[in-house]
């Protein structure tokens, strides 16, 4: 997620240097260089200090453990039971009771373990508006 924000900031900084009041090459390179340095420092801090990483990126969240839905975590993650069941089906598992562990990862993916925690499946989570084409926004 941090990389996406970084890319968007770089593109905005370079665009402003190209079409804004300071359209010099030095202005664009200075803005981009500053963002590269800030990104490098932030990555080092996240890698070195777990508390900073948890603060900025969050932490994985257990959704299902040994077939039991972790209601509090599901609610915090903003899932409905129907969405959780759909996510499990995306992994080829029919029933929640068959899931040993389902984790919402910090990158938005859902990891699922089955067969006594031996089989791992990982799929990208689809945004809610993309799941239901009939939904109104």
N, C-alpha and C. Protein backbone atom coordinates (compact mmCIF):
# COMPACT_ATOMS: atom_id res chain seq x y z
N UNK A 1 0.83 -1.18 0.00
CA UNK A 1 0.00 0.00 0.00
C UNK A 1 0.87 1.25 0.00
N UNK A 2 1.94 1.21 0.77
CA UNK A 2 2.83 2.36 0.82
C UNK A 2 3.45 2.62 -0.55
N UNK A 3 3.75 1.55 -1.27
CA UNK A 3 4.34 1.71 -2.60
C UNK A 3 3.36 2.39 -3.56
N UNK A 4 2.09 2.07 -3.45
CA UNK A 4 1.08 2.72 -4.30
C UNK A 4 1.01 4.21 -4.00
N UNK A 5 0.98 4.56 -2.74
CA UNK A 5 0.95 5.98 -2.35
C UNK A 5 2.21 6.68 -2.86
N UNK A 6 3.34 6.01 -2.73
CA UNK A 6 4.60 6.58 -3.20
C UNK A 6 4.56 6.85 -4.71
N UNK A 7 4.06 5.90 -5.47
CA UNK A 7 3.98 6.07 -6.93
C UNK A 7 3.06 7.25 -7.28
N UNK A 8 1.93 7.34 -6.57
CA UNK A 8 1.02 8.45 -6.84
C UNK A 8 1.65 9.80 -6.49
N UNK A 9 2.40 9.85 -5.39
CA UNK A 9 3.08 11.10 -5.02
C UNK A 9 4.15 11.49 -6.04
N UNK A 10 4.91 10.51 -6.50
CA UNK A 10 5.95 10.78 -7.51
C UNK A 10 5.30 11.33 -8.78
N UNK A 11 4.23 10.67 -9.23
CA UNK A 11 3.60 11.13 -10.47
C UNK A 11 3.05 12.54 -10.32
N UNK A 12 2.49 12.84 -9.16
CA UNK A 12 1.95 14.18 -8.93
C UNK A 12 3.08 15.21 -8.88
N UNK A 13 4.18 14.88 -8.22
CA UNK A 13 5.30 15.81 -8.11
C UNK A 13 5.91 16.09 -9.48
N UNK A 14 6.08 15.07 -10.28
CA UNK A 14 6.67 15.25 -11.60
C UNK A 14 5.71 16.00 -12.52
N UNK A 15 4.41 15.71 -12.39
CA UNK A 15 3.41 16.42 -13.20
C UNK A 15 3.44 17.91 -12.86
N UNK A 16 3.47 18.24 -11.58
CA UNK A 16 3.52 19.65 -11.19
C UNK A 16 4.77 20.33 -11.72
N UNK A 17 5.88 19.61 -11.76
CA UNK A 17 7.11 20.19 -12.29
C UNK A 17 7.00 20.40 -13.81
N UNK A 18 6.20 19.57 -14.48
CA UNK A 18 6.08 19.68 -15.93
C UNK A 18 5.07 20.74 -16.34
N UNK A 19 3.97 20.90 -15.61
CA UNK A 19 2.92 21.82 -16.04
C UNK A 19 2.66 22.96 -15.05
N UNK A 20 3.25 22.90 -13.88
CA UNK A 20 3.02 23.93 -12.86
C UNK A 20 3.90 25.14 -13.10
N UNK A 21 3.92 26.02 -12.12
CA UNK A 21 4.71 27.25 -12.27
C UNK A 21 6.22 26.99 -12.34
N UNK A 22 6.69 25.92 -11.69
CA UNK A 22 8.12 25.58 -11.77
C UNK A 22 8.25 24.39 -12.71
N UNK A 23 8.39 24.65 -13.99
CA UNK A 23 8.46 23.55 -14.96
C UNK A 23 9.89 23.21 -15.34
N UNK A 24 10.80 23.41 -14.41
CA UNK A 24 12.20 23.10 -14.70
C UNK A 24 12.50 21.63 -14.37
N UNK A 25 13.52 21.13 -15.00
CA UNK A 25 13.98 19.77 -14.74
C UNK A 25 14.47 19.65 -13.30
N UNK A 26 15.16 20.66 -12.81
CA UNK A 26 15.68 20.65 -11.45
C UNK A 26 14.54 20.58 -10.44
N UNK A 27 13.46 21.31 -10.67
CA UNK A 27 12.31 21.27 -9.76
C UNK A 27 11.70 19.89 -9.68
N UNK A 28 11.52 19.24 -10.82
CA UNK A 28 10.97 17.88 -10.84
C UNK A 28 11.88 16.87 -10.19
N UNK A 29 13.18 16.97 -10.48
CA UNK A 29 14.14 16.04 -9.88
C UNK A 29 14.24 16.24 -8.37
N UNK A 30 14.16 17.49 -7.93
CA UNK A 30 14.22 17.77 -6.49
C UNK A 30 13.02 17.17 -5.78
N UNK A 31 11.82 17.37 -6.34
CA UNK A 31 10.61 16.81 -5.73
C UNK A 31 10.66 15.28 -5.71
N UNK A 32 11.03 14.69 -6.83
CA UNK A 32 11.11 13.23 -6.91
C UNK A 32 12.19 12.69 -5.97
N UNK A 33 13.33 13.34 -5.93
CA UNK A 33 14.42 12.91 -5.05
C UNK A 33 14.02 12.97 -3.58
N UNK A 34 13.34 14.03 -3.19
CA UNK A 34 12.86 14.14 -1.81
C UNK A 34 11.90 13.02 -1.45
N UNK A 35 11.01 12.69 -2.39
CA UNK A 35 10.06 11.60 -2.14
C UNK A 35 10.76 10.24 -2.08
N UNK A 36 11.77 10.03 -2.92
CA UNK A 36 12.54 8.78 -2.86
C UNK A 36 13.24 8.64 -1.53
N UNK A 37 13.82 9.71 -1.04
CA UNK A 37 14.51 9.68 0.25
C UNK A 37 13.52 9.40 1.38
N UNK A 38 12.36 10.09 1.36
CA UNK A 38 11.34 9.86 2.39
C UNK A 38 10.84 8.42 2.35
N UNK A 39 10.63 7.87 1.16
CA UNK A 39 10.19 6.48 1.02
C UNK A 39 11.25 5.53 1.57
N UNK A 40 12.51 5.77 1.27
CA UNK A 40 13.59 4.92 1.74
C UNK A 40 13.65 4.92 3.27
N UNK A 41 13.55 6.09 3.87
CA UNK A 41 13.61 6.20 5.33
C UNK A 41 12.40 5.51 5.96
N UNK A 42 11.21 5.72 5.39
CA UNK A 42 10.00 5.09 5.91
C UNK A 42 10.09 3.57 5.84
N UNK A 43 10.59 3.03 4.73
CA UNK A 43 10.75 1.59 4.59
C UNK A 43 11.73 1.04 5.62
N UNK A 44 12.81 1.75 5.86
CA UNK A 44 13.79 1.31 6.86
C UNK A 44 13.17 1.31 8.26
N UNK A 45 12.40 2.34 8.59
CA UNK A 45 11.75 2.42 9.89
C UNK A 45 10.74 1.29 10.07
N UNK A 46 9.95 1.02 9.04
CA UNK A 46 8.96 -0.05 9.10
C UNK A 46 9.65 -1.40 9.27
N UNK A 47 10.76 -1.61 8.57
CA UNK A 47 11.49 -2.87 8.68
C UNK A 47 12.17 -3.05 10.02
N UNK A 48 12.60 -1.97 10.61
CA UNK A 48 13.36 -2.06 11.86
C UNK A 48 12.46 -2.07 13.10
N UNK A 49 11.38 -1.32 13.08
CA UNK A 49 10.52 -1.19 14.25
C UNK A 49 9.13 -1.72 13.92
N UNK A 50 8.77 -2.84 14.54
CA UNK A 50 7.47 -3.46 14.29
C UNK A 50 6.32 -2.53 14.67
N UNK A 51 6.48 -1.75 15.71
CA UNK A 51 5.38 -0.87 16.15
C UNK A 51 5.06 0.17 15.08
N UNK A 52 6.06 0.69 14.40
CA UNK A 52 5.83 1.66 13.33
C UNK A 52 5.14 0.97 12.16
N UNK A 53 5.57 -0.24 11.84
CA UNK A 53 4.94 -1.01 10.77
C UNK A 53 3.48 -1.29 11.05
N UNK A 54 3.16 -1.68 12.30
CA UNK A 54 1.77 -1.93 12.66
C UNK A 54 0.94 -0.65 12.60
N UNK A 55 1.54 0.46 13.01
CA UNK A 55 0.83 1.73 13.00
C UNK A 55 0.49 2.17 11.58
N UNK A 56 1.43 2.03 10.67
CA UNK A 56 1.25 2.50 9.30
C UNK A 56 0.52 1.48 8.43
N UNK A 57 0.91 0.21 8.51
CA UNK A 57 0.36 -0.79 7.62
C UNK A 57 -0.76 -1.62 8.24
N UNK A 58 -0.88 -1.64 9.55
CA UNK A 58 -1.84 -2.50 10.22
C UNK A 58 -1.23 -3.86 10.48
N UNK A 59 -2.04 -4.80 10.87
CA UNK A 59 -1.56 -6.15 11.13
C UNK A 59 -2.58 -7.16 10.64
N UNK A 60 -2.14 -8.39 10.38
CA UNK A 60 -3.09 -9.41 9.91
C UNK A 60 -4.19 -9.62 10.95
N UNK A 61 -5.37 -10.00 10.45
CA UNK A 61 -6.51 -10.18 11.35
C UNK A 61 -7.12 -11.56 11.10
N UNK A 62 -7.30 -12.33 12.18
CA UNK A 62 -7.89 -13.65 12.08
C UNK A 62 -9.40 -13.52 11.89
N UNK A 63 -9.91 -14.14 10.82
CA UNK A 63 -11.34 -14.10 10.53
C UNK A 63 -12.05 -15.39 10.94
N UNK A 64 -11.35 -16.52 10.74
CA UNK A 64 -11.91 -17.82 11.08
C UNK A 64 -10.80 -18.64 11.74
N UNK A 65 -11.15 -19.34 12.83
CA UNK A 65 -10.19 -20.23 13.47
C UNK A 65 -10.90 -21.54 13.80
N UNK A 66 -10.40 -22.63 13.24
CA UNK A 66 -10.96 -23.97 13.43
C UNK A 66 -12.47 -23.99 13.19
N UNK A 67 -12.88 -23.40 12.08
CA UNK A 67 -14.27 -23.43 11.67
C UNK A 67 -15.19 -22.45 12.38
N UNK A 68 -14.65 -21.67 13.32
CA UNK A 68 -15.47 -20.71 14.06
C UNK A 68 -15.15 -19.30 13.58
N UNK A 69 -16.18 -18.57 13.20
CA UNK A 69 -16.02 -17.19 12.75
C UNK A 69 -15.67 -16.32 13.95
N UNK A 70 -14.66 -15.50 13.79
CA UNK A 70 -14.26 -14.55 14.83
C UNK A 70 -15.06 -13.28 14.61
N UNK A 71 -16.23 -13.23 15.22
CA UNK A 71 -17.23 -12.19 14.94
C UNK A 71 -16.68 -10.77 15.11
N UNK A 72 -15.95 -10.54 16.17
CA UNK A 72 -15.43 -9.20 16.43
C UNK A 72 -14.50 -8.75 15.31
N UNK A 73 -13.60 -9.63 14.90
CA UNK A 73 -12.65 -9.28 13.83
C UNK A 73 -13.34 -9.11 12.49
N UNK A 74 -14.34 -9.93 12.22
CA UNK A 74 -15.09 -9.81 10.97
C UNK A 74 -15.80 -8.46 10.92
N UNK A 75 -16.34 -8.05 12.06
CA UNK A 75 -17.02 -6.76 12.12
C UNK A 75 -16.02 -5.61 11.95
N UNK A 76 -14.87 -5.70 12.60
CA UNK A 76 -13.84 -4.66 12.47
C UNK A 76 -13.36 -4.56 11.03
N UNK A 77 -13.21 -5.70 10.36
CA UNK A 77 -12.74 -5.73 8.97
C UNK A 77 -13.80 -5.22 8.00
N UNK A 78 -15.05 -5.14 8.46
CA UNK A 78 -16.11 -4.62 7.60
C UNK A 78 -16.71 -5.66 6.68
N UNK A 79 -16.59 -6.93 7.03
CA UNK A 79 -17.17 -8.00 6.24
C UNK A 79 -18.57 -8.34 6.74
N UNK A 80 -19.44 -8.72 5.83
CA UNK A 80 -20.69 -9.36 6.21
C UNK A 80 -20.44 -10.87 6.14
N UNK A 81 -21.37 -11.65 6.71
CA UNK A 81 -21.20 -13.11 6.64
C UNK A 81 -21.27 -13.59 5.19
N UNK A 82 -22.09 -12.96 4.40
CA UNK A 82 -22.19 -13.35 2.99
C UNK A 82 -20.87 -13.10 2.26
N UNK A 83 -20.23 -11.99 2.55
CA UNK A 83 -18.94 -11.69 1.91
C UNK A 83 -17.86 -12.66 2.38
N UNK A 84 -17.88 -13.01 3.67
CA UNK A 84 -16.92 -13.97 4.19
C UNK A 84 -17.11 -15.33 3.54
N UNK A 85 -18.35 -15.75 3.41
CA UNK A 85 -18.63 -17.03 2.76
C UNK A 85 -18.20 -17.00 1.29
N UNK A 86 -18.42 -15.88 0.61
CA UNK A 86 -17.99 -15.75 -0.78
C UNK A 86 -16.47 -15.82 -0.88
N UNK A 87 -15.78 -15.19 0.05
CA UNK A 87 -14.31 -15.22 0.04
C UNK A 87 -13.80 -16.65 0.25
N UNK A 88 -14.46 -17.40 1.10
CA UNK A 88 -14.06 -18.78 1.35
C UNK A 88 -14.31 -19.63 0.10
N UNK A 89 -15.44 -19.40 -0.56
CA UNK A 89 -15.74 -20.14 -1.80
C UNK A 89 -14.72 -19.84 -2.89
N UNK A 90 -14.18 -18.61 -2.92
CA UNK A 90 -13.16 -18.28 -3.91
C UNK A 90 -11.92 -19.16 -3.75
N UNK A 91 -11.73 -19.68 -2.56
CA UNK A 91 -10.60 -20.56 -2.28
C UNK A 91 -10.94 -22.02 -2.54
N UNK A 92 -12.15 -22.30 -3.02
CA UNK A 92 -12.54 -23.66 -3.33
C UNK A 92 -13.06 -24.42 -2.13
N UNK A 93 -13.47 -23.72 -1.08
CA UNK A 93 -13.97 -24.36 0.14
C UNK A 93 -15.44 -24.02 0.26
N UNK A 94 -16.27 -25.04 0.46
CA UNK A 94 -17.71 -24.83 0.47
C UNK A 94 -18.25 -24.30 1.78
N UNK A 95 -17.70 -24.80 2.89
CA UNK A 95 -18.28 -24.45 4.19
C UNK A 95 -17.23 -23.80 5.09
N UNK A 96 -17.66 -22.85 5.88
CA UNK A 96 -16.77 -22.18 6.83
C UNK A 96 -16.24 -23.19 7.84
N UNK A 97 -17.03 -24.18 8.18
CA UNK A 97 -16.61 -25.19 9.16
C UNK A 97 -15.39 -25.98 8.69
N UNK A 98 -15.12 -25.99 7.39
CA UNK A 98 -13.97 -26.73 6.85
C UNK A 98 -12.68 -25.91 6.89
N UNK A 99 -12.77 -24.66 7.28
CA UNK A 99 -11.60 -23.78 7.30
C UNK A 99 -10.91 -23.89 8.66
N UNK A 100 -9.62 -24.15 8.65
CA UNK A 100 -8.85 -24.17 9.90
C UNK A 100 -8.46 -22.75 10.31
N UNK A 101 -8.05 -21.96 9.32
CA UNK A 101 -7.63 -20.59 9.62
C UNK A 101 -7.83 -19.72 8.38
N UNK A 102 -8.45 -18.58 8.58
CA UNK A 102 -8.59 -17.58 7.51
C UNK A 102 -8.10 -16.26 8.08
N UNK A 103 -7.14 -15.65 7.39
CA UNK A 103 -6.54 -14.40 7.85
C UNK A 103 -6.70 -13.33 6.79
N UNK A 104 -7.10 -12.14 7.24
CA UNK A 104 -7.09 -10.96 6.37
C UNK A 104 -5.71 -10.36 6.51
N UNK A 105 -4.91 -10.41 5.45
CA UNK A 105 -3.53 -9.93 5.49
C UNK A 105 -3.50 -8.42 5.36
N UNK A 106 -2.36 -7.82 5.68
CA UNK A 106 -2.24 -6.36 5.65
C UNK A 106 -2.36 -5.80 4.24
N UNK A 107 -2.10 -6.62 3.23
CA UNK A 107 -2.21 -6.14 1.86
C UNK A 107 -3.62 -6.33 1.28
N UNK A 108 -4.58 -6.78 2.10
CA UNK A 108 -5.96 -6.94 1.65
C UNK A 108 -6.29 -8.33 1.15
N UNK A 109 -5.29 -9.20 1.03
CA UNK A 109 -5.54 -10.57 0.61
C UNK A 109 -6.08 -11.39 1.78
N UNK A 110 -6.78 -12.45 1.46
CA UNK A 110 -7.25 -13.38 2.47
C UNK A 110 -6.51 -14.70 2.27
N UNK A 111 -5.82 -15.15 3.31
CA UNK A 111 -5.14 -16.44 3.28
C UNK A 111 -5.99 -17.44 4.03
N UNK A 112 -6.09 -18.65 3.47
CA UNK A 112 -6.92 -19.69 4.07
C UNK A 112 -6.10 -20.97 4.21
N UNK A 113 -6.16 -21.57 5.40
CA UNK A 113 -5.52 -22.85 5.66
C UNK A 113 -6.59 -23.89 5.94
N UNK A 114 -6.44 -25.08 5.34
CA UNK A 114 -7.36 -26.18 5.57
C UNK A 114 -6.56 -27.46 5.79
N UNK A 115 -7.25 -28.57 5.94
CA UNK A 115 -6.62 -29.88 6.10
C UNK A 115 -5.61 -29.88 7.23
N UNK A 116 -6.07 -29.55 8.43
CA UNK A 116 -5.21 -29.47 9.62
C UNK A 116 -4.04 -28.51 9.41
N UNK A 117 -4.35 -27.35 8.87
CA UNK A 117 -3.40 -26.26 8.65
C UNK A 117 -2.30 -26.62 7.63
N UNK A 118 -2.56 -27.57 6.73
CA UNK A 118 -1.54 -28.00 5.78
C UNK A 118 -1.70 -27.38 4.40
N UNK A 119 -2.92 -27.13 3.96
CA UNK A 119 -3.16 -26.61 2.63
C UNK A 119 -3.44 -25.12 2.72
N UNK A 120 -2.64 -24.32 2.01
CA UNK A 120 -2.80 -22.87 2.04
C UNK A 120 -3.31 -22.39 0.69
N UNK A 121 -4.27 -21.49 0.74
CA UNK A 121 -4.82 -20.87 -0.46
C UNK A 121 -4.86 -19.38 -0.23
N UNK A 122 -4.53 -18.61 -1.26
CA UNK A 122 -4.51 -17.15 -1.12
C UNK A 122 -5.09 -16.52 -2.36
N UNK A 123 -6.07 -15.66 -2.17
CA UNK A 123 -6.71 -14.96 -3.28
C UNK A 123 -6.83 -13.49 -2.93
N UNK A 124 -6.84 -12.65 -3.95
CA UNK A 124 -7.05 -11.22 -3.75
C UNK A 124 -8.52 -10.97 -3.42
N UNK A 125 -8.74 -10.04 -2.50
CA UNK A 125 -10.10 -9.65 -2.16
C UNK A 125 -10.59 -8.66 -3.20
N UNK A 126 -11.80 -8.89 -3.68
CA UNK A 126 -12.40 -7.99 -4.66
C UNK A 126 -13.18 -6.93 -3.90
N UNK A 127 -13.05 -5.71 -4.33
CA UNK A 127 -13.76 -4.61 -3.68
C UNK A 127 -15.26 -4.85 -3.75
N UNK A 128 -15.97 -4.43 -2.73
CA UNK A 128 -17.41 -4.69 -2.63
C UNK A 128 -18.18 -4.25 -3.86
N UNK A 129 -17.87 -3.10 -4.43
CA UNK A 129 -18.64 -2.62 -5.58
C UNK A 129 -18.39 -3.47 -6.81
N UNK A 130 -17.29 -4.19 -6.86
CA UNK A 130 -17.03 -5.05 -8.00
C UNK A 130 -17.68 -6.42 -7.83
N UNK A 131 -18.00 -6.80 -6.59
CA UNK A 131 -18.60 -8.10 -6.36
C UNK A 131 -20.04 -8.16 -6.85
N UNK A 132 -20.79 -7.08 -6.70
CA UNK A 132 -22.19 -7.09 -7.04
C UNK A 132 -22.45 -6.06 -8.14
N UNK A 133 -22.56 -6.49 -9.38
CA UNK A 133 -22.77 -5.53 -10.48
C UNK A 133 -24.10 -4.80 -10.40
N UNK A 134 -25.06 -5.32 -9.62
CA UNK A 134 -26.37 -4.69 -9.49
C UNK A 134 -26.43 -3.68 -8.38
N UNK A 135 -25.32 -3.55 -7.60
CA UNK A 135 -25.32 -2.61 -6.48
C UNK A 135 -25.31 -1.18 -6.98
N UNK A 136 -25.99 -0.32 -6.24
CA UNK A 136 -26.00 1.09 -6.58
C UNK A 136 -24.98 1.81 -5.74
N UNK A 137 -24.35 2.81 -6.31
CA UNK A 137 -23.33 3.55 -5.57
C UNK A 137 -23.83 4.90 -5.17
